[in-house]
Amino acid sequence: HRLGLQRVGDVLRQPRAPLARRFGRELLDALDAV
């Protein structure tokens, strides 16, 4: 939310590498599952 990402589509459009470095496997696993 601090990055201004409110919806799933907002996160899916982001590069995965920065998301992985900042939020770890939890976020990537949730995105892969959905």
PDB file of all heavy atoms in Angstrom:
ATOM      1  N   HIS A   1       0.828  -1.207   0.000  1.00  0.00           N
ATOM      2  CA  HIS A   1       0.000   0.000   0.000  1.00  0.00           C
ATOM      3  C   HIS A   1       0.865   1.261   0.000  1.00  0.00           C
ATOM      4  O   HIS A   1       0.495   2.274  -0.618  1.00  0.00           O
ATOM      5  CB  HIS A   1      -0.945  -0.010   1.203  1.00  0.00           C
ATOM      6  CG  HIS A   1      -2.022  -1.045   1.096  1.00  0.00           C
ATOM      7  ND1 HIS A   1      -2.781  -1.471   2.162  1.00  0.00           N
ATOM      8  CD2 HIS A   1      -2.472  -1.762   0.026  1.00  0.00           C
ATOM      9  CE1 HIS A   1      -3.645  -2.383   1.756  1.00  0.00           C
ATOM     10  NE2 HIS A   1      -3.468  -2.583   0.462  1.00  0.00           N
ATOM     11  N   ARG A   2       1.993   1.208   0.677  1.00  0.00           N
ATOM     12  CA  ARG A   2       2.889   2.377   0.667  1.00  0.00           C
ATOM     13  C   ARG A   2       3.408   2.649  -0.740  1.00  0.00           C
ATOM     14  O   ARG A   2       3.745   3.801  -1.072  1.00  0.00           O
ATOM     15  CB  ARG A   2       4.059   2.151   1.630  1.00  0.00           C
ATOM     16  CG  ARG A   2       3.694   2.342   3.102  1.00  0.00           C
ATOM     17  CD  ARG A   2       4.923   2.480   3.968  1.00  0.00           C
ATOM     18  NE  ARG A   2       5.719   1.263   3.963  1.00  0.00           N
ATOM     19  CZ  ARG A   2       5.576   0.262   4.820  1.00  0.00           C
ATOM     20  NH1 ARG A   2       4.624   0.350   5.766  1.00  0.00           N
ATOM     21  NH2 ARG A   2       6.338  -0.790   4.767  1.00  0.00           N
ATOM     22  N   LEU A   3       3.486   1.622  -1.552  1.00  0.00           N
ATOM     23  CA  LEU A   3       3.924   1.804  -2.941  1.00  0.00           C
ATOM     24  C   LEU A   3       2.768   2.194  -3.851  1.00  0.00           C
ATOM     25  O   LEU A   3       2.950   2.331  -5.068  1.00  0.00           O
ATOM     26  CB  LEU A   3       4.560   0.508  -3.461  1.00  0.00           C
ATOM     27  CG  LEU A   3       5.847   0.048  -2.758  1.00  0.00           C
ATOM     28  CD1 LEU A   3       6.292  -1.299  -3.307  1.00  0.00           C
ATOM     29  CD2 LEU A   3       6.958   1.082  -2.943  1.00  0.00           C
ATOM     30  N   GLY A   4       1.584   2.352  -3.283  1.00  0.00           N
ATOM     31  CA  GLY A   4       0.433   2.729  -4.089  1.00  0.00           C
ATOM     32  C   GLY A   4      -0.221   1.567  -4.810  1.00  0.00           C
ATOM     33  O   GLY A   4      -1.028   1.786  -5.713  1.00  0.00           O
ATOM     34  N   LEU A   5       0.091   0.346  -4.403  1.00  0.00           N
ATOM     35  CA  LEU A   5      -0.479  -0.852  -5.029  1.00  0.00           C
ATOM     36  C   LEU A   5      -1.657  -1.321  -4.194  1.00  0.00           C
ATOM     37  O   LEU A   5      -1.493  -1.724  -3.033  1.00  0.00           O
ATOM     38  CB  LEU A   5       0.575  -1.961  -5.131  1.00  0.00           C
ATOM     39  CG  LEU A   5       1.873  -1.569  -5.861  1.00  0.00           C
ATOM     40  CD1 LEU A   5       2.873  -2.715  -5.814  1.00  0.00           C
ATOM     41  CD2 LEU A   5       1.585  -1.163  -7.294  1.00  0.00           C
ATOM     42  N   GLN A   6      -2.851  -1.252  -4.763  1.00  0.00           N
ATOM     43  CA  GLN A   6      -4.069  -1.568  -4.020  1.00  0.00           C
ATOM     44  C   GLN A   6      -4.759  -2.830  -4.514  1.00  0.00           C
ATOM     45  O   GLN A   6      -5.468  -3.474  -3.747  1.00  0.00           O
ATOM     46  CB  GLN A   6      -5.059  -0.381  -4.126  1.00  0.00           C
ATOM     47  CG  GLN A   6      -4.516   0.944  -3.620  1.00  0.00           C
ATOM     48  CD  GLN A   6      -4.268   0.921  -2.120  1.00  0.00           C
ATOM     49  OE1 GLN A   6      -4.974   0.246  -1.375  1.00  0.00           O
ATOM     50  NE2 GLN A   6      -3.259   1.658  -1.669  1.00  0.00           N
ATOM     51  N   ARG A   7      -4.573  -3.178  -5.769  1.00  0.00           N
ATOM     52  CA  ARG A   7      -5.284  -4.312  -6.355  1.00  0.00           C
ATOM     53  C   ARG A   7      -4.301  -5.338  -6.907  1.00  0.00           C
ATOM     54  O   ARG A   7      -3.127  -5.036  -7.146  1.00  0.00           O
ATOM     55  CB  ARG A   7      -6.249  -3.838  -7.435  1.00  0.00           C
ATOM     56  CG  ARG A   7      -7.261  -2.826  -6.895  1.00  0.00           C
ATOM     57  CD  ARG A   7      -8.364  -2.530  -7.879  1.00  0.00           C
ATOM     58  NE  ARG A   7      -9.342  -1.617  -7.287  1.00  0.00           N
ATOM     59  CZ  ARG A   7     -10.338  -1.990  -6.497  1.00  0.00           C
ATOM     60  NH1 ARG A   7     -10.505  -3.281  -6.210  1.00  0.00           N
ATOM     61  NH2 ARG A   7     -11.172  -1.100  -5.986  1.00  0.00           N
ATOM     62  N   VAL A   8      -4.827  -6.542  -7.128  1.00  0.00           N
ATOM     63  CA  VAL A   8      -3.968  -7.636  -7.594  1.00  0.00           C
ATOM     64  C   VAL A   8      -3.358  -7.287  -8.945  1.00  0.00           C
ATOM     65  O   VAL A   8      -2.165  -7.543  -9.193  1.00  0.00           O
ATOM     66  CB  VAL A   8      -4.773  -8.944  -7.678  1.00  0.00           C
ATOM     67  CG1 VAL A   8      -3.917 -10.069  -8.266  1.00  0.00           C
ATOM     68  CG2 VAL A   8      -5.312  -9.344  -6.316  1.00  0.00           C
ATOM     69  N   GLY A   9      -4.154  -6.696  -9.826  1.00  0.00           N
ATOM     70  CA  GLY A   9      -3.630  -6.341 -11.143  1.00  0.00           C
ATOM     71  C   GLY A   9      -2.481  -5.352 -11.061  1.00  0.00           C
ATOM     72  O   GLY A   9      -1.555  -5.399 -11.877  1.00  0.00           O
ATOM     73  N   ASP A  10      -2.519  -4.438 -10.070  1.00  0.00           N
ATOM     74  CA  ASP A  10      -1.422  -3.482  -9.909  1.00  0.00           C
ATOM     75  C   ASP A  10      -0.110  -4.206  -9.634  1.00  0.00           C
ATOM     76  O   ASP A  10       0.947  -3.826 -10.158  1.00  0.00           O
ATOM     77  CB  ASP A  10      -1.730  -2.518  -8.752  1.00  0.00           C
ATOM     78  CG  ASP A  10      -2.991  -1.713  -8.997  1.00  0.00           C
ATOM     79  OD1 ASP A  10      -3.359  -1.549 -10.184  1.00  0.00           O
ATOM     80  OD2 ASP A  10      -3.603  -1.254  -8.023  1.00  0.00           O
ATOM     81  N   VAL A  11      -0.179  -5.250  -8.828  1.00  0.00           N
ATOM     82  CA  VAL A  11       1.045  -5.985  -8.480  1.00  0.00           C
ATOM     83  C   VAL A  11       1.496  -6.865  -9.639  1.00  0.00           C
ATOM     84  O   VAL A  11       2.700  -6.991  -9.905  1.00  0.00           O
ATOM     85  CB  VAL A  11       0.806  -6.829  -7.213  1.00  0.00           C
ATOM     86  CG1 VAL A  11       2.073  -7.592  -6.825  1.00  0.00           C
ATOM     87  CG2 VAL A  11       0.355  -5.942  -6.062  1.00  0.00           C
ATOM     88  N   LEU A  12       0.549  -7.471 -10.338  1.00  0.00           N
ATOM     89  CA  LEU A  12       0.928  -8.356 -11.441  1.00  0.00           C
ATOM     90  C   LEU A  12       1.644  -7.607 -12.562  1.00  0.00           C
ATOM     91  O   LEU A  12       2.426  -8.203 -13.313  1.00  0.00           O
ATOM     92  CB  LEU A  12      -0.321  -9.052 -11.997  1.00  0.00           C
ATOM     93  CG  LEU A  12      -0.966 -10.108 -11.090  1.00  0.00           C
ATOM     94  CD1 LEU A  12      -2.260 -10.619 -11.704  1.00  0.00           C
ATOM     95  CD2 LEU A  12      -0.001 -11.267 -10.839  1.00  0.00           C
ATOM     96  N   ARG A  13       1.389  -6.322 -12.676  1.00  0.00           N
ATOM     97  CA  ARG A  13       2.047  -5.540 -13.736  1.00  0.00           C
ATOM     98  C   ARG A  13       3.443  -5.056 -13.338  1.00  0.00           C
ATOM     99  O   ARG A  13       4.132  -4.458 -14.155  1.00  0.00           O
ATOM    100  CB  ARG A  13       1.166  -4.339 -14.110  1.00  0.00           C
ATOM    101  CG  ARG A  13      -0.062  -4.720 -14.923  1.00  0.00           C
ATOM    102  CD  ARG A  13      -0.834  -3.510 -15.411  1.00  0.00           C
ATOM    103  NE  ARG A  13      -1.567  -2.881 -14.335  1.00  0.00           N
ATOM    104  CZ  ARG A  13      -2.812  -3.207 -13.991  1.00  0.00           C
ATOM    105  NH1 ARG A  13      -3.442  -4.172 -14.651  1.00  0.00           N
ATOM    106  NH2 ARG A  13      -3.429  -2.576 -13.012  1.00  0.00           N
ATOM    107  N   GLN A  14       3.879  -5.351 -12.115  1.00  0.00           N
ATOM    108  CA  GLN A  14       5.195  -4.921 -11.657  1.00  0.00           C
ATOM    109  C   GLN A  14       6.254  -5.967 -11.990  1.00  0.00           C
ATOM    110  O   GLN A  14       5.950  -7.159 -12.086  1.00  0.00           O
ATOM    111  CB  GLN A  14       5.183  -4.678 -10.143  1.00  0.00           C
ATOM    112  CG  GLN A  14       4.121  -3.696  -9.674  1.00  0.00           C
ATOM    113  CD  GLN A  14       4.264  -2.347 -10.324  1.00  0.00           C
ATOM    114  OE1 GLN A  14       5.371  -1.793 -10.417  1.00  0.00           O
ATOM    115  NE2 GLN A  14       3.151  -1.794 -10.798  1.00  0.00           N
ATOM    116  N   PRO A  15       7.505  -5.555 -12.174  1.00  0.00           N
ATOM    117  CA  PRO A  15       8.582  -6.538 -12.370  1.00  0.00           C
ATOM    118  C   PRO A  15       8.710  -7.445 -11.145  1.00  0.00           C
ATOM    119  O   PRO A  15       8.615  -6.979 -10.003  1.00  0.00           O
ATOM    120  CB  PRO A  15       9.833  -5.668 -12.556  1.00  0.00           C
ATOM    121  CG  PRO A  15       9.319  -4.322 -12.915  1.00  0.00           C
ATOM    122  CD  PRO A  15       7.995  -4.169 -12.248  1.00  0.00           C
ATOM    123  N   ARG A  16       8.931  -8.723 -11.364  1.00  0.00           N
ATOM    124  CA  ARG A  16       8.973  -9.686 -10.257  1.00  0.00           C
ATOM    125  C   ARG A  16      10.240  -9.557  -9.427  1.00  0.00           C
ATOM    126  O   ARG A  16      10.204  -9.763  -8.209  1.00  0.00           O
ATOM    127  CB  ARG A  16       8.857 -11.116 -10.790  1.00  0.00           C
ATOM    128  CG  ARG A  16       7.474 -11.450 -11.328  1.00  0.00           C
ATOM    129  CD  ARG A  16       7.450 -12.862 -11.913  1.00  0.00           C
ATOM    130  NE  ARG A  16       7.705 -13.876 -10.914  1.00  0.00           N
ATOM    131  CZ  ARG A  16       6.754 -14.498 -10.222  1.00  0.00           C
ATOM    132  NH1 ARG A  16       5.490 -14.169 -10.402  1.00  0.00           N
ATOM    133  NH2 ARG A  16       7.060 -15.437  -9.343  1.00  0.00           N
ATOM    134  N   ALA A  17      11.355  -9.252 -10.050  1.00  0.00           N
ATOM    135  CA  ALA A  17      12.614  -9.226  -9.291  1.00  0.00           C
ATOM    136  C   ALA A  17      12.575  -8.222  -8.142  1.00  0.00           C
ATOM    137  O   ALA A  17      12.922  -8.571  -6.999  1.00  0.00           O
ATOM    138  CB  ALA A  17      13.783  -8.954 -10.235  1.00  0.00           C
ATOM    139  N   PRO A  18      12.178  -6.966  -8.367  1.00  0.00           N
ATOM    140  CA  PRO A  18      12.107  -6.036  -7.232  1.00  0.00           C
ATOM    141  C   PRO A  18      11.111  -6.490  -6.167  1.00  0.00           C
ATOM    142  O   PRO A  18      11.349  -6.304  -4.972  1.00  0.00           O
ATOM    143  CB  PRO A  18      11.671  -4.717  -7.887  1.00  0.00           C
ATOM    144  CG  PRO A  18      12.071  -4.840  -9.304  1.00  0.00           C
ATOM    145  CD  PRO A  18      11.906  -6.282  -9.635  1.00  0.00           C
ATOM    146  N   LEU A  19       9.989  -7.073  -6.586  1.00  0.00           N
ATOM    147  CA  LEU A  19       9.017  -7.559  -5.604  1.00  0.00           C
ATOM    148  C   LEU A  19       9.612  -8.673  -4.755  1.00  0.00           C
ATOM    149  O   LEU A  19       9.397  -8.737  -3.540  1.00  0.00           O
ATOM    150  CB  LEU A  19       7.760  -8.068  -6.315  1.00  0.00           C
ATOM    151  CG  LEU A  19       6.888  -7.028  -7.027  1.00  0.00           C
ATOM    152  CD1 LEU A  19       5.748  -7.720  -7.763  1.00  0.00           C
ATOM    153  CD2 LEU A  19       6.337  -6.003  -6.039  1.00  0.00           C
ATOM    154  N   ALA A  20      10.363  -9.569  -5.407  1.00  0.00           N
ATOM    155  CA  ALA A  20      10.977 -10.674  -4.672  1.00  0.00           C
ATOM    156  C   ALA A  20      12.001 -10.165  -3.674  1.00  0.00           C
ATOM    157  O   ALA A  20      12.083 -10.656  -2.539  1.00  0.00           O
ATOM    158  CB  ALA A  20      11.618 -11.657  -5.642  1.00  0.00           C
ATOM    159  N   ARG A  21      12.821  -9.165  -4.065  1.00  0.00           N
ATOM    160  CA  ARG A  21      13.828  -8.648  -3.138  1.00  0.00           C
ATOM    161  C   ARG A  21      13.192  -7.964  -1.940  1.00  0.00           C
ATOM    162  O   ARG A  21      13.697  -8.056  -0.819  1.00  0.00           O
ATOM    163  CB  ARG A  21      14.748  -7.661  -3.867  1.00  0.00           C
ATOM    164  CG  ARG A  21      15.728  -8.314  -4.818  1.00  0.00           C
ATOM    165  CD  ARG A  21      16.803  -7.350  -5.242  1.00  0.00           C
ATOM    166  NE  ARG A  21      16.254  -6.200  -5.960  1.00  0.00           N
ATOM    167  CZ  ARG A  21      16.109  -6.138  -7.287  1.00  0.00           C
ATOM    168  NH1 ARG A  21      16.459  -7.190  -8.019  1.00  0.00           N
ATOM    169  NH2 ARG A  21      15.611  -5.085  -7.869  1.00  0.00           N
ATOM    170  N   ARG A  22      12.060  -7.301  -2.153  1.00  0.00           N
ATOM    171  CA  ARG A  22      11.473  -6.508  -1.081  1.00  0.00           C
ATOM    172  C   ARG A  22      10.504  -7.314  -0.215  1.00  0.00           C
ATOM    173  O   ARG A  22      10.457  -7.120   1.006  1.00  0.00           O
ATOM    174  CB  ARG A  22      10.730  -5.300  -1.666  1.00  0.00           C
ATOM    175  CG  ARG A  22      10.160  -4.370  -0.613  1.00  0.00           C
ATOM    176  CD  ARG A  22       9.922  -3.004  -1.150  1.00  0.00           C
ATOM    177  NE  ARG A  22       9.465  -2.090  -0.122  1.00  0.00           N
ATOM    178  CZ  ARG A  22       9.309  -0.783  -0.296  1.00  0.00           C
ATOM    179  NH1 ARG A  22       9.601  -0.240  -1.482  1.00  0.00           N
ATOM    180  NH2 ARG A  22       8.886  -0.009   0.677  1.00  0.00           N
ATOM    181  N   PHE A  23       9.728  -8.223  -0.835  1.00  0.00           N
ATOM    182  CA  PHE A  23       8.677  -8.913  -0.079  1.00  0.00           C
ATOM    183  C   PHE A  23       8.892 -10.419   0.063  1.00  0.00           C
ATOM    184  O   PHE A  23       8.146 -11.079   0.787  1.00  0.00           O
ATOM    185  CB  PHE A  23       7.313  -8.667  -0.747  1.00  0.00           C
ATOM    186  CG  PHE A  23       6.930  -7.219  -0.818  1.00  0.00           C
ATOM    187  CD1 PHE A  23       7.083  -6.490  -1.996  1.00  0.00           C
ATOM    188  CD2 PHE A  23       6.447  -6.562   0.290  1.00  0.00           C
ATOM    189  CE1 PHE A  23       6.730  -5.154  -2.072  1.00  0.00           C
ATOM    190  CE2 PHE A  23       6.093  -5.224   0.234  1.00  0.00           C
ATOM    191  CZ  PHE A  23       6.243  -4.510  -0.945  1.00  0.00           C
ATOM    192  N   GLY A  24       9.880 -10.973  -0.621  1.00  0.00           N
ATOM    193  CA  GLY A  24      10.202 -12.382  -0.455  1.00  0.00           C
ATOM    194  C   GLY A  24       9.215 -13.327  -1.129  1.00  0.00           C
ATOM    195  O   GLY A  24       8.399 -12.933  -1.966  1.00  0.00           O
ATOM    196  N   ARG A  25       9.308 -14.602  -0.733  1.00  0.00           N
ATOM    197  CA  ARG A  25       8.522 -15.647  -1.381  1.00  0.00           C
ATOM    198  C   ARG A  25       7.031 -15.538  -1.094  1.00  0.00           C
ATOM    199  O   ARG A  25       6.205 -16.016  -1.874  1.00  0.00           O
ATOM    200  CB  ARG A  25       8.995 -17.030  -0.927  1.00  0.00           C
ATOM    201  CG  ARG A  25      10.382 -17.423  -1.383  1.00  0.00           C
ATOM    202  CD  ARG A  25      10.508 -17.479  -2.881  1.00  0.00           C
ATOM    203  NE  ARG A  25       9.385 -18.102  -3.550  1.00  0.00           N
ATOM    204  CZ  ARG A  25       9.232 -18.132  -4.875  1.00  0.00           C
ATOM    205  NH1 ARG A  25      10.122 -17.507  -5.649  1.00  0.00           N
ATOM    206  NH2 ARG A  25       8.204 -18.738  -5.426  1.00  0.00           N
ATOM    207  N   GLU A  26       6.654 -14.952   0.035  1.00  0.00           N
ATOM    208  CA  GLU A  26       5.236 -14.903   0.391  1.00  0.00           C
ATOM    209  C   GLU A  26       4.397 -14.274  -0.717  1.00  0.00           C
ATOM    210  O   GLU A  26       3.381 -14.840  -1.145  1.00  0.00           O
ATOM    211  CB  GLU A  26       5.042 -14.112   1.688  1.00  0.00           C
ATOM    212  CG  GLU A  26       3.576 -13.960   2.067  1.00  0.00           C
ATOM    213  CD  GLU A  26       3.352 -12.949   3.184  1.00  0.00           C
ATOM    214  OE1 GLU A  26       4.337 -12.326   3.632  1.00  0.00           O
ATOM    215  OE2 GLU A  26       2.189 -12.768   3.587  1.00  0.00           O
ATOM    216  N   LEU A  27       4.827 -13.122  -1.203  1.00  0.00           N
ATOM    217  CA  LEU A  27       4.057 -12.429  -2.231  1.00  0.00           C
ATOM    218  C   LEU A  27       4.090 -13.185  -3.552  1.00  0.00           C
ATOM    219  O   LEU A  27       3.055 -13.350  -4.219  1.00  0.00           O
ATOM    220  CB  LEU A  27       4.584 -11.008  -2.412  1.00  0.00           C
ATOM    221  CG  LEU A  27       3.908 -10.183  -3.513  1.00  0.00           C
ATOM    222  CD1 LEU A  27       2.419 -10.058  -3.247  1.00  0.00           C
ATOM    223  CD2 LEU A  27       4.563  -8.823  -3.645  1.00  0.00           C
ATOM    224  N   LEU A  28       5.261 -13.668  -3.951  1.00  0.00           N
ATOM    225  CA  LEU A  28       5.367 -14.374  -5.229  1.00  0.00           C
ATOM    226  C   LEU A  28       4.549 -15.670  -5.222  1.00  0.00           C
ATOM    227  O   LEU A  28       3.912 -16.012  -6.225  1.00  0.00           O
ATOM    228  CB  LEU A  28       6.833 -14.666  -5.546  1.00  0.00           C
ATOM    229  CG  LEU A  28       7.735 -13.447  -5.749  1.00  0.00           C
ATOM    230  CD1 LEU A  28       9.123 -13.887  -6.182  1.00  0.00           C
ATOM    231  CD2 LEU A  28       7.145 -12.487  -6.766  1.00  0.00           C
ATOM    232  N   ASP A  29       4.572 -16.380  -4.097  1.00  0.00           N
ATOM    233  CA  ASP A  29       3.775 -17.617  -4.012  1.00  0.00           C
ATOM    234  C   ASP A  29       2.293 -17.308  -4.131  1.00  0.00           C
ATOM    235  O   ASP A  29       1.535 -18.048  -4.788  1.00  0.00           O
ATOM    236  CB  ASP A  29       4.064 -18.339  -2.705  1.00  0.00           C
ATOM    237  CG  ASP A  29       5.443 -18.977  -2.688  1.00  0.00           C
ATOM    238  OD1 ASP A  29       6.039 -19.111  -3.780  1.00  0.00           O
ATOM    239  OD2 ASP A  29       5.908 -19.336  -1.600  1.00  0.00           O
ATOM    240  N   ALA A  30       1.847 -16.221  -3.491  1.00  0.00           N
ATOM    241  CA  ALA A  30       0.429 -15.852  -3.568  1.00  0.00           C
ATOM    242  C   ALA A  30       0.044 -15.471  -4.989  1.00  0.00           C
ATOM    243  O   ALA A  30      -1.037 -15.840  -5.474  1.00  0.00           O
ATOM    244  CB  ALA A  30       0.140 -14.709  -2.601  1.00  0.00           C
ATOM    245  N   LEU A  31       0.919 -14.747  -5.689  1.00  0.00           N
ATOM    246  CA  LEU A  31       0.625 -14.355  -7.068  1.00  0.00           C
ATOM    247  C   LEU A  31       0.614 -15.575  -7.990  1.00  0.00           C
ATOM    248  O   LEU A  31      -0.250 -15.690  -8.866  1.00  0.00           O
ATOM    249  CB  LEU A  31       1.653 -13.332  -7.546  1.00  0.00           C
ATOM    250  CG  LEU A  31       1.632 -11.976  -6.832  1.00  0.00           C
ATOM    251  CD1 LEU A  31       2.762 -11.082  -7.362  1.00  0.00           C
ATOM    252  CD2 LEU A  31       0.286 -11.289  -7.005  1.00  0.00           C
ATOM    253  N   ASP A  32       1.571 -16.486  -7.803  1.00  0.00           N
ATOM    254  CA  ASP A  32       1.599 -17.698  -8.628  1.00  0.00           C
ATOM    255  C   ASP A  32       0.353 -18.553  -8.395  1.00  0.00           C
ATOM    256  O   ASP A  32      -0.203 -19.136  -9.333  1.00  0.00           O
ATOM    257  CB  ASP A  32       2.852 -18.516  -8.316  1.00  0.00           C
ATOM    258  CG  ASP A  32       4.117 -17.863  -8.850  1.00  0.00           C
ATOM    259  OD1 ASP A  32       3.995 -16.988  -9.728  1.00  0.00           O
ATOM    260  OD2 ASP A  32       5.215 -18.214  -8.378  1.00  0.00           O
ATOM    261  N   ALA A  33      -0.100 -18.611  -7.142  1.00  0.00           N
ATOM    262  CA  ALA A  33      -1.274 -19.415  -6.837  1.00  0.00           C
ATOM    263  C   ALA A  33      -2.526 -18.822  -7.476  1.00  0.00           C
ATOM    264  O   ALA A  33      -3.345 -19.547  -8.057  1.00  0.00           O
ATOM    265  CB  ALA A  33      -1.452 -19.529  -5.327  1.00  0.00           C
ATOM    266  N   VAL A  34      -2.701 -17.513  -7.399  1.00  0.00           N
ATOM    267  CA  VAL A  34      -3.901 -16.899  -7.950  1.00  0.00           C
ATOM    268  C   VAL A  34      -3.887 -16.906  -9.473  1.00  0.00           C
ATOM    269  O   VAL A  34      -4.936 -16.848 -10.120  1.00  0.00           O
ATOM    270  CB  VAL A  34      -4.068 -15.465  -7.396  1.00  0.00           C
ATOM    271  CG1 VAL A  34      -3.190 -14.471  -8.147  1.00  0.00           C
ATOM    272  CG2 VAL A  34      -5.524 -15.029  -7.435  1.00  0.00           C
TER     273      VAL A  34
END
